């Protein structure tokens, strides 16, 4: 047989070999197709040695922005707001869990720069979580920091189309690092959770190493009436219609030492001619979440300060970069009817420090959603009235289809 024919024969047989190998391997695994909303595929290894759940979700958004409340002065946009693939499960032991999530939409992967090797930021979460003793866990890798409640709630489990302006201006989002998580009882019902996180100070998908100092985050959560049904404290709506009142009170403190970005581990880099401007940035969050019989009430407060918020060069001349300092309040009220229509009202105010040199901002949002399979399949719409002090008043209308497989 000539060499060319040998190559063709090998190329033609490779798919068959891979298929036979796959079928042989899968015989030693348990495979199931979950119900809608529970993932696309569920795999379990032989003798329960590992598991993996594969899921996918997307959000299709259309919005209209009417500047200064004028119809003839408007802009429209339609986009894939989020498109994500997630894999999660356990390895060797159910107490050793993992999560891996990729973002595929333009908004998910944006932010490429020299500090991310000029590469799209595909990876959202990539960590292992080890429950090593009773209610003590350690998490290592990249994931959400224990900051404000809105950020920790998944974007697919929100009451409205998207998060508030408090979150967009003051959140601390994701980072690589280590987290220590604990939960203990303070009585028969009263529970307390604590999370301590240590991470570099520049956020997610950074490849250039630790430029500034380190970021230290501590969060404490108090649940005086016990656990919410099905982890409902981190869902926007009261899907389970809690039969007894449930409440979570929480607070987070984030200290970013020698931070080099304008919003702690987010925002833009404060670059000088010969390095970076560095300053200590502190962010405080106070949260409350209450649910009872379809009603839910969520409150958030955020405040950011910096030791020196104005970036200056070696000659003590301002460079134009200013740390986003100020405070914000966000309150949200929702009700889920028995026919699975949800009505939500949100009021958010931002008060910037004068040194930040930005106009204050406030928004009032009215939303209505129809849930077909809980948060897994829903249509959401909201209408926002925005007022920027000493500036124009705007109206923003949004409608979004959210589907999770």
Protein backbone atom coordinates (compact mmCIF):
# COMPACT_ATOMS: atom_id res chain seq x y z
CA UNK A 1 0.00 0.00 0.00
CA UNK A 2 1.39 3.36 -1.02
CA UNK A 3 2.03 6.08 1.55
CA UNK A 4 -0.75 8.35 0.21
CA UNK A 5 -3.33 5.58 0.50
CA UNK A 6 -2.17 4.82 4.06
CA UNK A 7 -2.72 8.44 5.07
CA UNK A 8 -6.20 8.50 3.53
CA UNK A 9 -7.07 5.22 5.27
CA UNK A 10 -5.96 6.53 8.67
CA UNK A 11 -7.83 9.83 8.23
CA UNK A 12 -11.03 8.03 7.27
CA UNK A 13 -10.86 5.62 10.21
CA UNK A 14 -10.07 8.21 12.93
CA UNK A 15 -13.75 9.31 13.36
CA UNK A 16 -14.81 5.68 13.74
CA UNK A 17 -12.09 5.03 16.29
CA UNK A 18 -13.11 8.12 18.31
CA UNK A 19 -16.78 7.09 18.17
CA UNK A 20 -16.01 3.53 19.33
CA UNK A 21 -13.79 4.84 22.13
CA UNK A 22 -16.50 7.28 23.25
CA UNK A 23 -19.19 4.61 23.31
CA UNK A 24 -16.93 2.28 25.27
CA UNK A 25 -16.11 5.02 27.78
CA UNK A 26 -19.72 6.12 28.23
CA UNK A 27 -20.75 2.60 29.21
CA UNK A 28 -18.97 3.14 32.52
CA UNK A 29 -20.81 6.41 33.17
CA UNK A 30 -24.34 7.38 34.08
CA UNK A 31 -25.81 9.84 31.58
CA UNK A 32 -29.11 11.66 31.95
CA UNK A 33 -30.90 14.51 30.26
CA UNK A 34 -32.31 16.74 33.03
CA UNK A 35 -35.65 18.53 33.01
CA UNK A 36 -35.86 21.93 31.38
CA UNK A 37 -33.85 24.49 33.34
CA UNK A 38 -31.72 21.88 35.09
CA UNK A 39 -29.00 21.68 32.45
CA UNK A 40 -28.46 20.19 29.01
CA UNK A 41 -26.60 17.10 30.13
CA UNK A 42 -25.86 15.41 33.45
CA UNK A 43 -22.90 13.02 33.69
CA UNK A 44 -21.91 10.89 36.66
CA UNK A 45 -18.73 8.82 36.75
CA UNK A 46 -18.40 5.20 37.72
CA UNK A 47 -18.90 4.56 41.44
CA UNK A 48 -19.91 8.22 41.86
CA UNK A 49 -16.28 9.29 41.41
CA UNK A 50 -17.20 12.54 39.63
CA UNK A 51 -20.09 14.46 38.12
CA UNK A 52 -20.69 17.23 35.61
CA UNK A 53 -23.74 19.29 34.74
CA UNK A 54 -23.58 21.20 31.46
CA UNK A 55 -25.91 24.17 31.01
CA UNK A 56 -26.40 27.14 28.71
CA UNK A 57 -28.27 30.44 28.99
CA UNK A 58 -28.81 33.58 26.99
CA UNK A 59 -30.49 36.96 27.32
CA UNK A 60 -31.85 38.77 24.25
CA UNK A 61 -32.32 42.49 24.93
CA UNK A 62 -33.94 45.38 23.10
CA UNK A 63 -33.91 48.89 24.55
CA UNK A 64 -34.90 52.44 23.70
CA UNK A 65 -33.34 55.49 25.33
CA UNK A 66 -35.25 58.78 25.09
CA UNK A 67 -32.89 61.61 25.98
CA UNK A 68 -34.44 64.60 27.73
CA UNK A 69 -37.80 62.77 27.42
CA UNK A 70 -37.97 63.56 23.71
CA UNK A 71 -39.21 60.90 21.29
CA UNK A 72 -37.41 62.56 18.39
CA UNK A 73 -34.16 62.47 20.38
CA UNK A 74 -33.93 58.76 20.99
CA UNK A 75 -31.66 55.80 20.37
CA UNK A 76 -32.50 52.11 19.94
CA UNK A 77 -30.41 49.03 20.35
CA UNK A 78 -30.84 45.26 20.21
CA UNK A 79 -28.17 42.88 21.39
CA UNK A 80 -27.29 39.55 22.95
CA UNK A 81 -26.86 40.86 26.48
CA UNK A 82 -25.46 37.61 27.85
CA UNK A 83 -24.63 34.21 26.35
CA UNK A 84 -22.96 31.73 28.69
CA UNK A 85 -21.95 28.10 29.07
CA UNK A 86 -21.49 26.60 32.51
CA UNK A 87 -20.09 23.32 33.79
CA UNK A 88 -20.31 22.33 37.44
CA UNK A 89 -20.16 19.23 39.59
CA UNK A 90 -17.79 17.40 41.91
CA UNK A 91 -14.51 15.54 41.61
CA UNK A 92 -13.63 12.41 43.63
CA UNK A 93 -15.90 13.43 46.50
CA UNK A 94 -19.17 15.45 46.61
CA UNK A 95 -17.45 17.76 49.10
CA UNK A 96 -14.97 18.84 46.41
CA UNK A 97 -17.02 20.86 43.94
CA UNK A 98 -16.05 22.93 40.92
CA UNK A 99 -17.58 25.52 38.62
CA UNK A 100 -16.46 26.71 35.22
CA UNK A 101 -18.40 29.38 33.28
CA UNK A 102 -17.63 30.99 29.94
CA UNK A 103 -19.07 34.22 28.56
CA UNK A 104 -19.56 34.39 24.80
CA UNK A 105 -21.40 37.66 24.12
CA UNK A 106 -19.53 40.86 23.29
CA UNK A 107 -20.48 42.38 26.65
CA UNK A 108 -19.23 39.25 28.44
CA UNK A 109 -15.78 39.21 26.86
CA UNK A 110 -15.10 42.95 26.54
CA UNK A 111 -12.23 44.64 28.36
CA UNK A 112 -9.24 43.16 26.54
CA UNK A 113 -6.05 45.16 27.12
CA UNK A 114 -2.34 44.70 27.67
CA UNK A 115 -3.02 43.48 31.20
CA UNK A 116 -5.12 40.59 29.88
CA UNK A 117 -2.57 39.77 27.16
CA UNK A 118 -4.83 41.64 24.71
CA UNK A 119 -7.15 38.64 24.77
CA UNK A 120 -10.95 38.49 25.17
CA UNK A 121 -12.03 37.81 28.76
CA UNK A 122 -13.95 34.60 28.07
CA UNK A 123 -13.62 33.06 31.54
CA UNK A 124 -16.09 34.30 34.15
CA UNK A 125 -15.80 31.63 36.85
CA UNK A 126 -13.21 28.90 37.29
CA UNK A 127 -12.80 27.60 40.83
CA UNK A 128 -12.89 24.60 43.14
CA UNK A 129 -14.83 24.64 46.41
CA UNK A 130 -13.80 22.22 49.18
CA UNK A 131 -16.05 21.55 52.16
CA UNK A 132 -13.18 20.29 54.32
CA UNK A 133 -14.81 20.31 57.77
CA UNK A 134 -18.47 20.57 58.83
CA UNK A 135 -19.71 23.94 57.51
CA UNK A 136 -16.23 25.24 56.69
CA UNK A 137 -15.30 25.63 53.02
CA UNK A 138 -12.37 26.97 51.08
CA UNK A 139 -12.72 28.23 47.51
CA UNK A 140 -9.76 28.74 45.18
CA UNK A 141 -9.80 30.24 41.70
CA UNK A 142 -11.74 32.99 39.94
CA UNK A 143 -15.25 33.93 40.96
CA UNK A 144 -17.44 36.65 42.42
CA UNK A 145 -16.13 38.44 45.47
CA UNK A 146 -18.50 38.65 48.47
CA UNK A 147 -19.61 42.21 47.76
CA UNK A 148 -23.07 43.71 47.29
CA UNK A 149 -26.09 41.43 47.12
CA UNK A 150 -27.15 42.44 43.60
CA UNK A 151 -23.81 41.35 42.17
CA UNK A 152 -23.79 37.99 43.93
CA UNK A 153 -27.32 37.27 42.69
CA UNK A 154 -26.97 35.71 39.24
CA UNK A 155 -27.92 37.96 36.34
CA UNK A 156 -30.43 35.29 35.36
CA UNK A 157 -32.21 35.48 38.72
CA UNK A 158 -32.89 39.22 38.85
CA UNK A 159 -36.31 40.78 39.37
CA UNK A 160 -35.69 43.38 36.66
CA UNK A 161 -33.97 43.29 33.28
CA UNK A 162 -30.59 44.16 34.81
CA UNK A 163 -28.86 45.39 37.94
CA UNK A 164 -29.08 48.92 39.31
CA UNK A 165 -26.69 51.85 38.82
CA UNK A 166 -25.46 51.25 42.38
CA UNK A 167 -24.01 47.99 41.14
CA UNK A 168 -22.57 49.45 37.94
CA UNK A 169 -20.69 52.19 39.81
CA UNK A 170 -19.71 50.56 43.11
CA UNK A 171 -19.57 46.77 42.74
CA UNK A 172 -16.27 44.86 43.13
CA UNK A 173 -17.25 41.96 40.83
CA UNK A 174 -14.95 38.98 40.16
CA UNK A 175 -11.31 38.21 40.90
CA UNK A 176 -8.88 35.34 41.23
CA UNK A 177 -7.98 34.40 44.78
CA UNK A 178 -8.94 32.37 47.81
CA UNK A 179 -12.13 32.55 49.90
CA UNK A 180 -12.87 31.10 53.32
CA UNK A 181 -16.57 30.42 53.92
CA UNK A 182 -18.29 29.40 57.16
CA UNK A 183 -21.83 28.99 58.47
CA UNK A 184 -22.92 28.35 62.04
CA UNK A 185 -26.03 28.48 64.21
CA UNK A 186 -26.64 31.17 66.81
CA UNK A 187 -29.70 29.37 68.11
CA UNK A 188 -32.29 26.87 66.94
CA UNK A 189 -33.14 29.00 63.90
CA UNK A 190 -30.75 31.98 63.80
CA UNK A 191 -27.87 31.47 61.32
CA UNK A 192 -24.73 33.39 60.52
CA UNK A 193 -22.44 33.16 57.49
CA UNK A 194 -18.98 34.68 57.08
CA UNK A 195 -16.83 34.98 53.97
CA UNK A 196 -13.23 36.18 53.86
CA UNK A 197 -11.58 36.72 50.47
CA UNK A 198 -8.00 37.53 49.58
CA UNK A 199 -7.22 38.42 45.97
CA UNK A 200 -5.07 40.57 43.69
CA UNK A 201 -6.51 44.03 43.24
CA UNK A 202 -7.04 44.23 39.48
CA UNK A 203 -10.06 42.00 38.84
CA UNK A 204 -10.65 39.03 36.56
CA UNK A 205 -8.59 37.52 33.72
CA UNK A 206 -5.49 39.59 34.51
CA UNK A 207 -2.27 37.92 33.32
CA UNK A 208 0.36 40.54 34.18
CA UNK A 209 0.63 39.71 37.87
CA UNK A 210 -0.16 41.79 40.92
CA UNK A 211 0.55 45.43 39.98
CA UNK A 212 -0.65 47.10 43.17
CA UNK A 213 -1.23 45.53 46.56
CA UNK A 214 -3.85 42.97 47.51
CA UNK A 215 -7.59 43.14 47.99
CA UNK A 216 -9.19 41.96 51.25
CA UNK A 217 -12.95 41.41 51.45
CA UNK A 218 -15.03 40.38 54.47
CA UNK A 219 -18.77 39.73 54.47
CA UNK A 220 -21.09 38.69 57.29
CA UNK A 221 -24.69 37.55 56.76
CA UNK A 222 -27.31 37.14 59.50
CA UNK A 223 -30.47 35.08 58.99
CA UNK A 224 -32.57 35.55 62.15
CA UNK A 225 -35.51 33.45 60.86
CA UNK A 226 -33.44 30.63 59.38
CA UNK A 227 -32.61 29.63 55.83
CA UNK A 228 -34.64 30.78 52.85
CA UNK A 229 -36.32 28.02 50.87
CA UNK A 230 -34.07 26.78 48.00
CA UNK A 231 -31.45 29.49 48.62
CA UNK A 232 -34.07 32.16 47.97
CA UNK A 233 -31.97 34.85 49.64
CA UNK A 234 -29.97 34.97 46.39
CA UNK A 235 -32.94 35.07 44.01
CA UNK A 236 -34.63 38.33 43.10
CA UNK A 237 -38.25 37.16 43.41
CA UNK A 238 -39.99 35.07 46.06
CA UNK A 239 -40.45 32.06 43.78
CA UNK A 240 -41.15 29.72 46.70
CA UNK A 241 -43.67 32.08 48.30
CA UNK A 242 -42.16 31.70 51.76
CA UNK A 243 -44.80 30.54 54.26
CA UNK A 244 -43.02 32.29 57.13
CA UNK A 245 -41.06 35.57 57.03
CA UNK A 246 -37.42 35.22 55.98
CA UNK A 247 -34.79 37.91 56.37
CA UNK A 248 -31.09 38.31 55.59
CA UNK A 249 -29.08 41.22 56.97
CA UNK A 250 -25.56 41.56 55.62
CA UNK A 251 -22.56 43.83 55.38
CA UNK A 252 -19.31 43.71 53.39
CA UNK A 253 -16.04 45.57 53.76
CA UNK A 254 -13.55 45.64 50.88
CA UNK A 255 -10.06 47.10 51.26
CA UNK A 256 -7.91 47.33 48.14
CA UNK A 257 -4.35 48.22 49.15
CA UNK A 258 -2.33 50.24 46.63
CA UNK A 259 -5.17 50.00 44.10
CA UNK A 260 -4.32 51.07 40.56
CA UNK A 261 -7.84 51.21 39.09
CA UNK A 262 -10.52 53.88 39.49
CA UNK A 263 -13.21 51.58 40.92
CA UNK A 264 -11.24 49.29 43.23
CA UNK A 265 -10.70 46.17 41.05
CA UNK A 266 -12.78 47.64 38.21
CA UNK A 267 -12.71 50.78 36.10
CA UNK A 268 -9.69 52.11 34.23
CA UNK A 269 -6.01 51.86 35.18
CA UNK A 270 -4.45 55.01 36.63
CA UNK A 271 -1.33 54.99 34.46
CA UNK A 272 1.59 57.37 34.91
CA UNK A 273 4.61 57.95 32.68
CA UNK A 274 6.75 55.68 34.85
CA UNK A 275 4.29 53.25 36.39
CA UNK A 276 0.93 53.55 38.12
CA UNK A 277 -0.76 55.83 40.60
CA UNK A 278 -1.57 53.79 43.72
CA UNK A 279 -3.93 54.52 46.58
CA UNK A 280 -5.86 52.54 49.20
CA UNK A 281 -9.56 52.21 48.30
CA UNK A 282 -12.25 51.17 50.77
CA UNK A 283 -15.77 50.06 49.78
CA UNK A 284 -18.58 49.30 52.25
CA UNK A 285 -21.84 47.53 51.45
CA UNK A 286 -24.91 47.08 53.68
CA UNK A 287 -27.70 44.78 52.43
CA UNK A 288 -31.08 43.48 53.54
CA UNK A 289 -33.39 40.99 51.84
CA UNK A 290 -36.88 40.09 53.08
CA UNK A 291 -39.38 37.60 51.61
CA UNK A 292 -42.85 36.45 52.60
CA UNK A 293 -45.75 34.96 50.58
CA UNK A 294 -44.65 36.29 47.19
CA UNK A 295 -43.45 39.66 48.48
CA UNK A 296 -39.78 40.55 48.46
CA UNK A 297 -37.97 43.66 49.63
CA UNK A 298 -34.28 44.32 48.98
CA UNK A 299 -32.18 47.24 50.20
CA UNK A 300 -28.56 48.09 49.40
CA UNK A 301 -26.20 50.81 50.53
CA UNK A 302 -22.70 51.35 49.13
CA UNK A 303 -19.98 53.83 49.99
CA UNK A 304 -16.49 54.15 48.50
CA UNK A 305 -13.61 56.22 49.84
CA UNK A 306 -9.93 56.52 48.92
CA UNK A 307 -6.91 57.77 50.81
CA UNK A 308 -6.00 59.94 47.82
CA UNK A 309 -8.73 59.89 45.15
CA UNK A 310 -7.02 62.22 42.67
CA UNK A 311 -4.24 60.62 40.62
CA UNK A 312 -1.11 62.78 40.38
CA UNK A 313 2.17 62.43 38.54
CA UNK A 314 5.68 62.74 40.00
CA UNK A 315 5.34 66.53 39.94
CA UNK A 316 2.11 66.33 41.96
CA UNK A 317 0.06 67.44 38.94
CA UNK A 318 -3.38 65.75 38.52
CA UNK A 319 -3.45 63.32 35.59
CA UNK A 320 -7.22 63.40 35.10
CA UNK A 321 -7.90 60.01 36.70
CA UNK A 322 -10.15 60.19 39.78
CA UNK A 323 -11.29 57.32 41.98
CA UNK A 324 -15.07 56.80 41.86
CA UNK A 325 -15.82 58.00 45.42
CA UNK A 326 -19.27 58.59 46.84
CA UNK A 327 -22.29 56.65 48.08
CA UNK A 328 -25.47 55.07 46.76
CA UNK A 329 -28.81 53.75 48.02
CA UNK A 330 -30.96 51.19 46.24
CA UNK A 331 -34.34 49.89 47.37
CA UNK A 332 -36.44 47.37 45.45
CA UNK A 333 -39.90 45.93 46.10
CA UNK A 334 -41.42 42.98 44.16
CA UNK A 335 -44.55 40.88 44.21
CA UNK A 336 -45.07 37.58 42.37
CA UNK A 337 -48.69 36.69 41.66
CA UNK A 338 -50.10 33.17 41.64
CA UNK A 339 -50.21 33.35 37.84
CA UNK A 340 -46.45 34.07 37.83
CA UNK A 341 -46.57 37.69 36.82
CA UNK A 342 -44.03 39.77 38.74
CA UNK A 343 -44.28 43.49 39.46
CA UNK A 344 -41.19 45.33 40.64
CA UNK A 345 -40.41 48.87 41.76
CA UNK A 346 -36.84 50.12 42.21
CA UNK A 347 -35.47 53.46 43.34
CA UNK A 348 -31.73 54.16 43.18
CA UNK A 349 -29.74 57.27 44.07
CA UNK A 350 -26.06 58.01 43.65
CA UNK A 351 -24.37 60.85 45.49
CA UNK A 352 -20.83 61.39 44.25
CA UNK A 353 -18.27 63.22 46.34
CA UNK A 354 -17.58 66.69 44.92
CA UNK A 355 -14.01 65.71 44.25
CA UNK A 356 -15.19 63.11 41.72
CA UNK A 357 -16.57 65.92 39.53
CA UNK A 358 -19.53 63.94 38.20
CA UNK A 359 -23.23 64.72 38.34
CA UNK A 360 -25.29 62.83 40.88
CA UNK A 361 -27.80 60.38 39.48
CA UNK A 362 -31.13 58.87 40.43
CA UNK A 363 -33.40 56.36 38.75
CA UNK A 364 -36.92 55.09 39.35
CA UNK A 365 -37.78 51.84 37.58
CA UNK A 366 -41.10 50.04 37.06
CA UNK A 367 -40.95 46.46 35.83
CA UNK A 368 -43.27 43.65 34.84
CA UNK A 369 -42.20 40.08 34.12
CA UNK A 370 -43.91 36.89 33.04
CA UNK A 371 -42.25 33.73 34.35
CA UNK A 372 -43.04 30.57 32.39
CA UNK A 373 -40.56 28.29 34.22
CA UNK A 374 -39.38 30.41 37.11
CA UNK A 375 -36.23 32.35 36.27
CA UNK A 376 -35.32 29.73 33.66
CA UNK A 377 -37.74 31.01 31.02
CA UNK A 378 -39.17 34.49 31.31
CA UNK A 379 -39.90 37.73 29.52
CA UNK A 380 -39.05 40.90 31.39
CA UNK A 381 -39.68 44.55 30.64
CA UNK A 382 -39.06 47.72 32.58
CA UNK A 383 -39.39 51.47 32.26
CA UNK A 384 -36.80 53.72 33.91
CA UNK A 385 -37.06 57.42 34.63
CA UNK A 386 -33.56 58.81 35.06
CA UNK A 387 -32.52 62.20 36.38
CA UNK A 388 -28.96 63.40 36.40
CA UNK A 389 -28.70 66.46 38.57
CA UNK A 390 -27.87 69.60 36.53
CA UNK A 391 -28.36 67.50 33.39
CA UNK A 392 -31.09 66.02 31.20
CA UNK A 393 -33.90 63.74 32.26
CA UNK A 394 -34.09 60.47 30.33
CA UNK A 395 -36.57 57.64 29.87
CA UNK A 396 -35.27 54.12 29.16
CA UNK A 397 -37.47 51.23 28.06
CA UNK A 398 -36.14 47.66 27.96
CA UNK A 399 -37.56 44.25 27.10
CA UNK A 400 -35.63 41.00 27.46
CA UNK A 401 -36.11 37.28 26.81
CA UNK A 402 -34.21 35.11 29.27
CA UNK A 403 -33.83 31.37 28.69
CA UNK A 404 -31.76 28.81 30.61
CA UNK A 405 -31.17 25.23 29.47
